[in-house]
Amino acid sequence: MISIDAYLGAVRRGLGGMDPRVRTDILLELRSHLFESVAANGGNLTAAIDALGDPGSVARRYRELYGFGAPFRVLFDLVAGVVGLLTVPVLVAGDEGTFPFLISAVFVAVEFAFLIWVSVMAGNRAGLFAGIAALVGRVAGFGGSIAVNPGGFLITPEGLGAFVLVSLLFVVVGWVPGKARQAWRRPGAEL
């Protein structure tokens, strides 16, 4: 048999990354609910805990409702912006051959995977902002490479078109998976 404190500790661990004030409110609400449920069930703690469900599932539902805290969302944006900056070598290949293309392709793939993860785990709004940060990082990297070496490479219309397309796809990929998950989510028990 698990105690109320052990159950709430497991839920607290599952709520990692949330705003601490929201997390505290959730845990106080769950504690109150559990005490009321135990009293209503004639002191049967197991029935009260079973009625709420697995602590991991409870934490996931609350995280879906309230999302990650501001520090984590800022961290997601910073990571997306830095990785976006690293996707630029494809446009400055010059005489080096395919090596910059491969590096760029790897970072583009990493950026897409990261944006999908953020959108699904933190919500489409966080994914959208991370996608915008990736776009800004990519444009900043491109602008910086032009400023540092203005005549060092040739910008073709096709290359510029590919640059713009991939940059805009970062924003779309940041937004769509979270929105799709939100629309296609199975209805669950409300807390």
N, C-alpha and C. Protein backbone atom coordinates (compact mmCIF):
# COMPACT_ATOMS: atom_id res chain seq x y z
N MET A 1 0.85 -1.18 0.00
CA MET A 1 0.00 0.00 0.00
C MET A 1 0.90 1.24 0.00
N ILE A 2 0.56 2.20 -0.82
CA ILE A 2 1.33 3.43 -0.97
C ILE A 2 0.68 4.52 -0.11
N SER A 3 1.50 5.37 0.47
CA SER A 3 0.98 6.47 1.27
C SER A 3 0.63 7.66 0.38
N ILE A 4 -0.11 8.58 0.94
CA ILE A 4 -0.48 9.79 0.19
C ILE A 4 0.79 10.57 -0.16
N ASP A 5 1.73 10.68 0.79
CA ASP A 5 2.96 11.43 0.52
C ASP A 5 3.79 10.77 -0.57
N ALA A 6 3.86 9.44 -0.57
CA ALA A 6 4.61 8.73 -1.62
C ALA A 6 3.94 8.94 -2.98
N TYR A 7 2.62 8.87 -3.02
CA TYR A 7 1.88 9.09 -4.27
C TYR A 7 2.13 10.50 -4.79
N LEU A 8 2.02 11.49 -3.89
CA LEU A 8 2.23 12.89 -4.30
C LEU A 8 3.69 13.13 -4.70
N GLY A 9 4.63 12.43 -4.07
CA GLY A 9 6.04 12.54 -4.48
C GLY A 9 6.24 12.04 -5.90
N ALA A 10 5.57 10.94 -6.25
CA ALA A 10 5.67 10.42 -7.61
C ALA A 10 5.04 11.39 -8.61
N VAL A 11 3.93 12.00 -8.24
CA VAL A 11 3.30 13.00 -9.13
C VAL A 11 4.21 14.21 -9.26
N ARG A 12 4.82 14.66 -8.15
CA ARG A 12 5.73 15.81 -8.17
C ARG A 12 6.89 15.57 -9.14
N ARG A 13 7.46 14.38 -9.12
CA ARG A 13 8.55 14.06 -10.05
C ARG A 13 8.07 14.12 -11.50
N GLY A 14 6.85 13.70 -11.75
CA GLY A 14 6.30 13.75 -13.10
C GLY A 14 5.97 15.16 -13.57
N LEU A 15 5.86 16.09 -12.63
CA LEU A 15 5.54 17.48 -12.97
C LEU A 15 6.80 18.33 -13.15
N GLY A 16 7.94 17.70 -13.25
CA GLY A 16 9.19 18.44 -13.43
C GLY A 16 9.13 19.33 -14.67
N GLY A 17 9.65 20.53 -14.55
CA GLY A 17 9.66 21.47 -15.66
C GLY A 17 8.50 22.44 -15.65
N MET A 18 7.53 22.20 -14.78
CA MET A 18 6.38 23.11 -14.70
C MET A 18 6.72 24.30 -13.81
N ASP A 19 5.94 25.34 -13.93
CA ASP A 19 6.07 26.50 -13.05
C ASP A 19 5.90 26.00 -11.61
N PRO A 20 6.84 26.33 -10.72
CA PRO A 20 6.76 25.82 -9.34
C PRO A 20 5.48 26.20 -8.61
N ARG A 21 4.95 27.38 -8.86
CA ARG A 21 3.70 27.78 -8.19
C ARG A 21 2.53 26.93 -8.66
N VAL A 22 2.48 26.66 -9.97
CA VAL A 22 1.42 25.81 -10.51
C VAL A 22 1.57 24.40 -9.97
N ARG A 23 2.80 23.90 -9.93
CA ARG A 23 3.05 22.56 -9.41
C ARG A 23 2.60 22.45 -7.95
N THR A 24 2.91 23.46 -7.14
CA THR A 24 2.50 23.46 -5.73
C THR A 24 0.98 23.46 -5.61
N ASP A 25 0.31 24.27 -6.41
CA ASP A 25 -1.17 24.30 -6.39
C ASP A 25 -1.75 22.95 -6.76
N ILE A 26 -1.18 22.30 -7.77
CA ILE A 26 -1.66 20.99 -8.20
C ILE A 26 -1.51 19.98 -7.08
N LEU A 27 -0.36 19.97 -6.44
CA LEU A 27 -0.12 19.01 -5.37
C LEU A 27 -1.02 19.26 -4.16
N LEU A 28 -1.27 20.52 -3.84
CA LEU A 28 -2.20 20.83 -2.75
C LEU A 28 -3.62 20.38 -3.09
N GLU A 29 -4.01 20.60 -4.34
CA GLU A 29 -5.34 20.17 -4.79
C GLU A 29 -5.46 18.65 -4.73
N LEU A 30 -4.43 17.95 -5.21
CA LEU A 30 -4.46 16.48 -5.16
C LEU A 30 -4.49 15.97 -3.73
N ARG A 31 -3.71 16.58 -2.84
CA ARG A 31 -3.69 16.17 -1.43
C ARG A 31 -5.09 16.31 -0.83
N SER A 32 -5.71 17.45 -1.06
CA SER A 32 -7.06 17.70 -0.55
C SER A 32 -8.05 16.68 -1.12
N HIS A 33 -7.93 16.44 -2.42
CA HIS A 33 -8.83 15.48 -3.07
C HIS A 33 -8.65 14.08 -2.48
N LEU A 34 -7.40 13.69 -2.25
CA LEU A 34 -7.14 12.36 -1.70
C LEU A 34 -7.70 12.22 -0.29
N PHE A 35 -7.51 13.24 0.55
CA PHE A 35 -8.06 13.17 1.91
C PHE A 35 -9.59 13.09 1.89
N GLU A 36 -10.23 13.86 1.01
CA GLU A 36 -11.69 13.80 0.89
C GLU A 36 -12.14 12.44 0.37
N SER A 37 -11.41 11.90 -0.58
CA SER A 37 -11.76 10.60 -1.16
C SER A 37 -11.57 9.48 -0.14
N VAL A 38 -10.52 9.56 0.66
CA VAL A 38 -10.29 8.56 1.72
C VAL A 38 -11.44 8.62 2.71
N ALA A 39 -11.85 9.82 3.10
CA ALA A 39 -12.96 9.97 4.04
C ALA A 39 -14.26 9.43 3.45
N ALA A 40 -14.47 9.68 2.17
CA ALA A 40 -15.70 9.21 1.51
C ALA A 40 -15.71 7.70 1.34
N ASN A 41 -14.52 7.08 1.25
CA ASN A 41 -14.42 5.63 1.07
C ASN A 41 -14.25 4.90 2.40
N GLY A 42 -14.58 5.54 3.49
CA GLY A 42 -14.49 4.88 4.79
C GLY A 42 -13.07 4.59 5.22
N GLY A 43 -12.12 5.44 4.82
CA GLY A 43 -10.73 5.27 5.22
C GLY A 43 -9.92 4.38 4.31
N ASN A 44 -10.47 3.99 3.17
CA ASN A 44 -9.77 3.10 2.24
C ASN A 44 -8.86 3.93 1.33
N LEU A 45 -7.58 4.01 1.70
CA LEU A 45 -6.61 4.80 0.95
C LEU A 45 -6.35 4.20 -0.43
N THR A 46 -6.31 2.88 -0.53
CA THR A 46 -6.04 2.22 -1.80
C THR A 46 -7.11 2.56 -2.83
N ALA A 47 -8.37 2.58 -2.42
CA ALA A 47 -9.45 2.92 -3.35
C ALA A 47 -9.34 4.36 -3.81
N ALA A 48 -8.95 5.26 -2.89
CA ALA A 48 -8.82 6.68 -3.26
C ALA A 48 -7.70 6.87 -4.27
N ILE A 49 -6.58 6.19 -4.06
CA ILE A 49 -5.45 6.32 -4.99
C ILE A 49 -5.77 5.66 -6.32
N ASP A 50 -6.41 4.49 -6.27
CA ASP A 50 -6.79 3.81 -7.51
C ASP A 50 -7.76 4.65 -8.34
N ALA A 51 -8.63 5.42 -7.67
CA ALA A 51 -9.58 6.26 -8.39
C ALA A 51 -8.87 7.36 -9.17
N LEU A 52 -7.75 7.87 -8.64
CA LEU A 52 -7.00 8.90 -9.36
C LEU A 52 -6.19 8.30 -10.50
N GLY A 53 -5.63 7.13 -10.30
CA GLY A 53 -4.85 6.49 -11.35
C GLY A 53 -3.36 6.57 -11.08
N ASP A 54 -2.61 6.07 -12.01
CA ASP A 54 -1.15 6.03 -11.94
C ASP A 54 -0.60 7.44 -11.79
N PRO A 55 0.36 7.66 -10.87
CA PRO A 55 0.90 9.02 -10.68
C PRO A 55 1.52 9.61 -11.95
N GLY A 56 2.14 8.76 -12.77
CA GLY A 56 2.71 9.25 -14.03
C GLY A 56 1.65 9.77 -14.97
N SER A 57 0.52 9.06 -15.04
CA SER A 57 -0.59 9.49 -15.91
C SER A 57 -1.20 10.79 -15.39
N VAL A 58 -1.36 10.88 -14.07
CA VAL A 58 -1.91 12.10 -13.49
C VAL A 58 -1.00 13.29 -13.80
N ALA A 59 0.32 13.09 -13.64
CA ALA A 59 1.27 14.17 -13.92
C ALA A 59 1.23 14.57 -15.39
N ARG A 60 1.15 13.58 -16.29
CA ARG A 60 1.08 13.90 -17.74
C ARG A 60 -0.17 14.71 -18.06
N ARG A 61 -1.30 14.35 -17.47
CA ARG A 61 -2.54 15.10 -17.75
C ARG A 61 -2.42 16.54 -17.26
N TYR A 62 -1.85 16.73 -16.08
CA TYR A 62 -1.66 18.10 -15.59
C TYR A 62 -0.65 18.87 -16.45
N ARG A 63 0.42 18.20 -16.88
CA ARG A 63 1.40 18.87 -17.73
C ARG A 63 0.77 19.26 -19.07
N GLU A 64 -0.14 18.42 -19.58
CA GLU A 64 -0.85 18.77 -20.81
C GLU A 64 -1.74 19.98 -20.59
N LEU A 65 -2.36 20.07 -19.43
CA LEU A 65 -3.24 21.20 -19.13
C LEU A 65 -2.47 22.50 -18.93
N TYR A 66 -1.36 22.44 -18.18
CA TYR A 66 -0.67 23.66 -17.78
C TYR A 66 0.64 23.91 -18.48
N GLY A 67 1.21 22.91 -19.12
CA GLY A 67 2.45 23.09 -19.86
C GLY A 67 3.67 23.26 -18.98
N PHE A 68 4.79 23.51 -19.65
CA PHE A 68 6.05 23.71 -18.95
C PHE A 68 6.13 25.13 -18.45
N GLY A 69 6.99 25.36 -17.46
CA GLY A 69 7.20 26.69 -16.91
C GLY A 69 8.00 27.57 -17.86
N ALA A 70 8.00 28.86 -17.59
CA ALA A 70 8.67 29.84 -18.44
C ALA A 70 10.16 29.55 -18.61
N PRO A 71 10.90 29.16 -17.57
CA PRO A 71 12.34 28.89 -17.79
C PRO A 71 12.58 27.77 -18.81
N PHE A 72 11.75 26.75 -18.79
CA PHE A 72 11.92 25.66 -19.75
C PHE A 72 11.56 26.12 -21.16
N ARG A 73 10.51 26.91 -21.29
CA ARG A 73 10.15 27.41 -22.62
C ARG A 73 11.24 28.30 -23.19
N VAL A 74 11.86 29.13 -22.35
CA VAL A 74 12.98 29.97 -22.80
C VAL A 74 14.16 29.08 -23.20
N LEU A 75 14.42 28.03 -22.43
CA LEU A 75 15.49 27.10 -22.78
C LEU A 75 15.22 26.44 -24.13
N PHE A 76 13.96 26.03 -24.36
CA PHE A 76 13.60 25.44 -25.65
C PHE A 76 13.89 26.43 -26.79
N ASP A 77 13.53 27.70 -26.58
CA ASP A 77 13.76 28.72 -27.61
C ASP A 77 15.24 28.94 -27.86
N LEU A 78 16.03 28.98 -26.79
CA LEU A 78 17.48 29.17 -26.95
C LEU A 78 18.11 28.01 -27.71
N VAL A 79 17.75 26.79 -27.35
CA VAL A 79 18.30 25.62 -28.04
C VAL A 79 17.90 25.66 -29.51
N ALA A 80 16.64 25.96 -29.79
CA ALA A 80 16.17 26.01 -31.18
C ALA A 80 16.91 27.10 -31.96
N GLY A 81 17.15 28.25 -31.33
CA GLY A 81 17.87 29.33 -32.00
C GLY A 81 19.32 28.97 -32.30
N VAL A 82 19.99 28.33 -31.35
CA VAL A 82 21.39 27.95 -31.57
C VAL A 82 21.50 26.87 -32.64
N VAL A 83 20.62 25.87 -32.58
CA VAL A 83 20.66 24.83 -33.61
C VAL A 83 20.30 25.43 -34.97
N GLY A 84 19.35 26.37 -34.98
CA GLY A 84 19.01 27.06 -36.23
C GLY A 84 20.21 27.80 -36.81
N LEU A 85 21.01 28.40 -35.95
CA LEU A 85 22.23 29.08 -36.39
C LEU A 85 23.19 28.09 -37.06
N LEU A 86 23.24 26.88 -36.54
CA LEU A 86 24.18 25.88 -37.06
C LEU A 86 23.70 25.22 -38.36
N THR A 87 22.50 25.54 -38.81
CA THR A 87 21.98 24.96 -40.06
C THR A 87 22.42 25.73 -41.30
N VAL A 88 23.16 26.80 -41.13
CA VAL A 88 23.49 27.70 -42.24
C VAL A 88 24.57 27.20 -43.19
N PRO A 89 25.54 26.37 -42.85
CA PRO A 89 26.65 26.06 -43.77
C PRO A 89 26.24 25.59 -45.16
N VAL A 90 25.04 25.10 -45.34
CA VAL A 90 24.61 24.66 -46.67
C VAL A 90 24.66 25.80 -47.69
N LEU A 91 24.54 27.02 -47.24
CA LEU A 91 24.54 28.15 -48.17
C LEU A 91 25.91 28.73 -48.41
N VAL A 92 26.90 28.30 -47.66
CA VAL A 92 28.23 28.88 -47.78
C VAL A 92 29.26 27.80 -48.15
N ALA A 93 28.86 26.85 -48.97
CA ALA A 93 29.72 25.70 -49.28
C ALA A 93 31.00 26.09 -49.97
N GLY A 94 30.94 26.91 -50.98
CA GLY A 94 32.15 27.33 -51.69
C GLY A 94 32.92 26.15 -52.25
N ASP A 95 34.24 26.13 -52.01
CA ASP A 95 35.12 25.10 -52.56
C ASP A 95 35.23 23.86 -51.69
N GLU A 96 34.60 23.82 -50.55
CA GLU A 96 34.79 22.73 -49.62
C GLU A 96 34.07 21.45 -50.03
N GLY A 97 33.27 21.47 -51.03
CA GLY A 97 32.56 20.27 -51.48
C GLY A 97 31.32 19.99 -50.67
N THR A 98 31.08 18.71 -50.38
CA THR A 98 29.82 18.33 -49.74
C THR A 98 29.87 18.38 -48.22
N PHE A 99 31.04 18.56 -47.62
CA PHE A 99 31.14 18.53 -46.17
C PHE A 99 30.19 19.52 -45.47
N PRO A 100 30.15 20.81 -45.86
CA PRO A 100 29.20 21.72 -45.21
C PRO A 100 27.74 21.32 -45.45
N PHE A 101 27.46 20.71 -46.61
CA PHE A 101 26.10 20.27 -46.87
C PHE A 101 25.69 19.19 -45.88
N LEU A 102 26.58 18.26 -45.60
CA LEU A 102 26.28 17.17 -44.67
C LEU A 102 26.09 17.69 -43.24
N ILE A 103 26.97 18.61 -42.84
CA ILE A 103 26.83 19.19 -41.50
C ILE A 103 25.49 19.91 -41.40
N SER A 104 25.18 20.70 -42.39
CA SER A 104 23.92 21.43 -42.40
C SER A 104 22.73 20.49 -42.37
N ALA A 105 22.78 19.43 -43.15
CA ALA A 105 21.67 18.47 -43.19
C ALA A 105 21.47 17.81 -41.84
N VAL A 106 22.56 17.49 -41.15
CA VAL A 106 22.45 16.89 -39.81
C VAL A 106 21.78 17.87 -38.85
N PHE A 107 22.22 19.13 -38.87
CA PHE A 107 21.63 20.12 -37.96
C PHE A 107 20.18 20.44 -38.32
N VAL A 108 19.85 20.42 -39.60
CA VAL A 108 18.44 20.62 -39.99
C VAL A 108 17.59 19.46 -39.46
N ALA A 109 18.09 18.23 -39.59
CA ALA A 109 17.35 17.07 -39.08
C ALA A 109 17.21 17.15 -37.56
N VAL A 110 18.28 17.54 -36.86
CA VAL A 110 18.22 17.69 -35.41
C VAL A 110 17.20 18.76 -35.03
N GLU A 111 17.20 19.87 -35.77
CA GLU A 111 16.26 20.96 -35.49
C GLU A 111 14.81 20.50 -35.69
N PHE A 112 14.55 19.80 -36.78
CA PHE A 112 13.19 19.30 -37.00
C PHE A 112 12.76 18.35 -35.89
N ALA A 113 13.63 17.43 -35.50
CA ALA A 113 13.30 16.48 -34.44
C ALA A 113 13.05 17.22 -33.12
N PHE A 114 13.89 18.20 -32.81
CA PHE A 114 13.72 18.96 -31.58
C PHE A 114 12.41 19.74 -31.59
N LEU A 115 12.09 20.38 -32.71
CA LEU A 115 10.85 21.15 -32.79
C LEU A 115 9.62 20.26 -32.66
N ILE A 116 9.67 19.08 -33.25
CA ILE A 116 8.55 18.15 -33.11
C ILE A 116 8.40 17.74 -31.65
N TRP A 117 9.52 17.43 -31.00
CA TRP A 117 9.48 17.03 -29.59
C TRP A 117 8.90 18.15 -28.73
N VAL A 118 9.38 19.38 -28.93
CA VAL A 118 8.88 20.51 -28.14
C VAL A 118 7.39 20.70 -28.37
N SER A 119 6.97 20.63 -29.62
CA SER A 119 5.56 20.86 -29.94
C SER A 119 4.67 19.80 -29.31
N VAL A 120 5.11 18.56 -29.34
CA VAL A 120 4.29 17.47 -28.78
C VAL A 120 4.33 17.48 -27.25
N MET A 121 5.50 17.69 -26.68
CA MET A 121 5.65 17.61 -25.22
C MET A 121 5.22 18.89 -24.50
N ALA A 122 5.52 20.05 -25.07
CA ALA A 122 5.24 21.31 -24.39
C ALA A 122 4.06 22.06 -24.98
N GLY A 123 3.51 21.58 -26.08
CA GLY A 123 2.34 22.22 -26.68
C GLY A 123 2.69 23.01 -27.93
N ASN A 124 1.67 23.22 -28.74
CA ASN A 124 1.91 23.87 -30.03
C ASN A 124 2.36 25.32 -29.88
N ARG A 125 1.97 25.99 -28.84
CA ARG A 125 2.41 27.38 -28.66
C ARG A 125 3.91 27.43 -28.37
N ALA A 126 4.39 26.56 -27.47
CA ALA A 126 5.83 26.50 -27.20
C ALA A 126 6.59 26.07 -28.45
N GLY A 127 6.02 25.13 -29.21
CA GLY A 127 6.64 24.70 -30.45
C GLY A 127 6.71 25.82 -31.48
N LEU A 128 5.64 26.62 -31.54
CA LEU A 128 5.62 27.75 -32.47
C LEU A 128 6.72 28.75 -32.13
N PHE A 129 6.84 29.09 -30.85
CA PHE A 129 7.89 30.04 -30.44
C PHE A 129 9.28 29.46 -30.66
N ALA A 130 9.45 28.16 -30.43
CA ALA A 130 10.75 27.52 -30.70
C ALA A 130 11.03 27.54 -32.21
N GLY A 131 10.01 27.33 -33.04
CA GLY A 131 10.18 27.40 -34.49
C GLY A 131 10.57 28.79 -34.94
N ILE A 132 9.97 29.80 -34.34
CA ILE A 132 10.33 31.18 -34.67
C ILE A 132 11.77 31.46 -34.23
N ALA A 133 12.16 30.95 -33.06
CA ALA A 133 13.54 31.12 -32.60
C ALA A 133 14.51 30.43 -33.56
N ALA A 134 14.14 29.26 -34.08
CA ALA A 134 14.99 28.57 -35.05
C ALA A 134 15.12 29.39 -36.32
N LEU A 135 14.02 29.97 -36.78
CA LEU A 135 14.06 30.83 -37.97
C LEU A 135 14.96 32.03 -37.73
N VAL A 136 14.83 32.68 -36.57
CA VAL A 136 15.65 33.85 -36.25
C VAL A 136 17.13 33.45 -36.18
N GLY A 137 17.42 32.31 -35.56
CA GLY A 137 18.81 31.85 -35.49
C GLY A 137 19.38 31.58 -36.86
N ARG A 138 18.57 30.98 -37.72
CA ARG A 138 19.02 30.67 -39.08
C ARG A 138 19.28 31.95 -39.88
N VAL A 139 18.36 32.90 -39.80
CA VAL A 139 18.53 34.17 -40.51
C VAL A 139 19.73 34.94 -39.94
N ALA A 140 19.91 34.90 -38.61
CA ALA A 140 21.06 35.58 -38.00
C ALA A 140 22.36 34.95 -38.46
N GLY A 141 22.39 33.62 -38.54
CA GLY A 141 23.59 32.95 -39.03
C GLY A 141 23.89 33.31 -40.47
N PHE A 142 22.87 33.36 -41.29
CA PHE A 142 23.05 33.72 -42.69
C PHE A 142 23.52 35.16 -42.83
N GLY A 143 22.86 36.06 -42.09
CA GLY A 143 23.26 37.47 -42.12
C GLY A 143 24.67 37.67 -41.60
N GLY A 144 25.02 36.94 -40.54
CA GLY A 144 26.37 37.04 -39.99
C GLY A 144 27.42 36.53 -40.96
N SER A 145 27.11 35.44 -41.66
CA SER A 145 28.08 34.90 -42.63
C SER A 145 28.27 35.86 -43.80
N ILE A 146 27.23 36.55 -44.19
CA ILE A 146 27.35 37.55 -45.27
C ILE A 146 28.16 38.75 -44.78
N ALA A 147 27.90 39.18 -43.55
CA ALA A 147 28.61 40.35 -43.01
C ALA A 147 30.10 40.07 -42.83
N VAL A 148 30.44 38.86 -42.42
CA VAL A 148 31.84 38.51 -42.18
C VAL A 148 32.60 38.31 -43.48
N ASN A 149 31.95 37.71 -44.47
CA ASN A 149 32.62 37.38 -45.72
C ASN A 149 31.70 37.74 -46.89
N PRO A 150 31.53 39.04 -47.18
CA PRO A 150 30.54 39.45 -48.17
C PRO A 150 30.76 38.91 -49.58
N GLY A 151 31.96 38.71 -50.00
CA GLY A 151 32.19 38.25 -51.37
C GLY A 151 32.68 36.82 -51.41
N GLY A 152 32.60 36.11 -50.30
CA GLY A 152 33.19 34.79 -50.22
C GLY A 152 32.38 33.66 -50.81
N PHE A 153 31.15 33.90 -51.17
CA PHE A 153 30.34 32.82 -51.74
C PHE A 153 29.27 33.39 -52.64
N LEU A 154 28.73 32.52 -53.45
CA LEU A 154 27.72 32.90 -54.42
C LEU A 154 26.35 32.47 -53.91
N ILE A 155 25.42 33.41 -53.85
CA ILE A 155 24.05 33.09 -53.45
C ILE A 155 23.23 32.94 -54.72
N THR A 156 22.73 31.75 -54.94
CA THR A 156 21.90 31.51 -56.12
C THR A 156 20.44 31.66 -55.74
N PRO A 157 19.58 31.95 -56.71
CA PRO A 157 18.15 32.03 -56.40
C PRO A 157 17.61 30.72 -55.83
N GLU A 158 18.10 29.59 -56.36
CA GLU A 158 17.64 28.28 -55.86
C GLU A 158 18.07 28.07 -54.41
N GLY A 159 19.31 28.44 -54.12
CA GLY A 159 19.81 28.30 -52.75
C GLY A 159 19.07 29.20 -51.79
N LEU A 160 18.80 30.42 -52.22
CA LEU A 160 18.06 31.35 -51.38
C LEU A 160 16.62 30.86 -51.18
N GLY A 161 16.03 30.31 -52.25
CA GLY A 161 14.68 29.74 -52.13
C GLY A 161 14.64 28.58 -51.16
N ALA A 162 15.64 27.70 -51.23
CA ALA A 162 15.72 26.57 -50.30
C ALA A 162 15.91 27.07 -48.87
N PHE A 163 16.73 28.10 -48.71
CA PHE A 163 16.95 28.69 -47.39
C PHE A 163 15.63 29.21 -46.80
N VAL A 164 14.90 29.96 -47.58
CA VAL A 164 13.63 30.53 -47.12
C VAL A 164 12.62 29.42 -46.81
N LEU A 165 12.55 28.42 -47.68
CA LEU A 165 11.61 27.32 -47.48
C LEU A 165 11.90 26.56 -46.19
N VAL A 166 13.14 26.18 -45.98
CA VAL A 166 13.50 25.45 -44.76
C VAL A 166 13.28 26.32 -43.53
N SER A 167 13.62 27.60 -43.63
CA SER A 167 13.42 28.50 -42.49
C SER A 167 11.94 28.59 -42.12
N LEU A 168 11.07 28.71 -43.10
CA LEU A 168 9.64 28.77 -42.82
C LEU A 168 9.09 27.43 -42.33
N LEU A 169 9.69 26.34 -42.82
CA LEU A 169 9.27 25.02 -42.34
C LEU A 169 9.57 24.84 -40.86
N PHE A 170 10.61 25.48 -40.35
CA PHE A 170 10.89 25.40 -38.92
C PHE A 170 9.69 25.90 -38.12
N VAL A 171 9.09 26.99 -38.56
CA VAL A 171 7.94 27.54 -37.85
C VAL A 171 6.75 26.59 -37.96
N VAL A 172 6.51 26.07 -39.15
CA VAL A 172 5.38 25.15 -39.36
C VAL A 172 5.57 23.87 -38.55
N VAL A 173 6.77 23.30 -38.60
CA VAL A 173 7.04 22.06 -37.88
C VAL A 173 6.97 22.29 -36.37
N GLY A 174 7.29 23.48 -35.92
CA GLY A 174 7.15 23.79 -34.50
C GLY A 174 5.71 23.87 -34.05
N TRP A 175 4.82 24.21 -34.94
CA TRP A 175 3.42 24.42 -34.56
C TRP A 175 2.54 23.20 -34.82
N VAL A 176 2.66 22.57 -35.96
CA VAL A 176 1.71 21.55 -36.41
C VAL A 176 1.63 20.30 -35.52
N PRO A 177 2.75 19.67 -35.11
CA PRO A 177 2.61 18.44 -34.33
C PRO A 177 1.85 18.61 -33.02
N GLY A 178 2.09 19.70 -32.32
CA GLY A 178 1.36 19.96 -31.08
C GLY A 178 -0.11 20.21 -31.33
N LYS A 179 -0.41 20.92 -32.41
CA LYS A 179 -1.81 21.18 -32.75
C LYS A 179 -2.50 19.88 -33.15
N ALA A 180 -1.80 19.03 -33.91
CA ALA A 180 -2.37 17.74 -34.30
C ALA A 180 -2.59 16.86 -33.09
N ARG A 181 -1.63 16.84 -32.17
CA ARG A 181 -1.79 16.03 -30.96
C ARG A 181 -2.98 16.52 -30.15
N GLN A 182 -3.13 17.83 -30.07
CA GLN A 182 -4.25 18.41 -29.34
C GLN A 182 -5.57 18.03 -29.99
N ALA A 183 -5.64 18.04 -31.31
CA ALA A 183 -6.89 17.74 -32.02
C ALA A 183 -7.20 16.25 -32.01
N TRP A 184 -6.17 15.40 -32.03
CA TRP A 184 -6.39 13.96 -32.15
C TRP A 184 -6.31 13.21 -30.82
N ARG A 185 -6.14 13.94 -29.75
CA ARG A 185 -6.02 13.31 -28.44
C ARG A 185 -7.31 12.60 -28.07
N ARG A 186 -7.12 11.41 -27.50
CA ARG A 186 -8.29 10.67 -27.01
C ARG A 186 -8.86 11.41 -25.81
N PRO A 187 -10.16 11.48 -25.72
CA PRO A 187 -10.73 12.12 -24.53
C PRO A 187 -10.40 11.27 -23.30
N GLY A 188 -9.97 11.94 -22.25
CA GLY A 188 -9.64 11.22 -21.02
C GLY A 188 -10.49 11.72 -19.87
N ALA A 189 -10.30 11.11 -18.75
CA ALA A 189 -11.01 11.53 -17.57
C ALA A 189 -10.49 12.88 -17.15
N GLU A 190 -11.36 13.80 -16.85
CA GLU A 190 -10.97 15.14 -16.43
C GLU A 190 -10.64 15.12 -14.95
N LEU A 191 -9.64 15.91 -14.58
CA LEU A 191 -9.26 15.99 -13.18
C LEU A 191 -10.06 17.05 -12.49
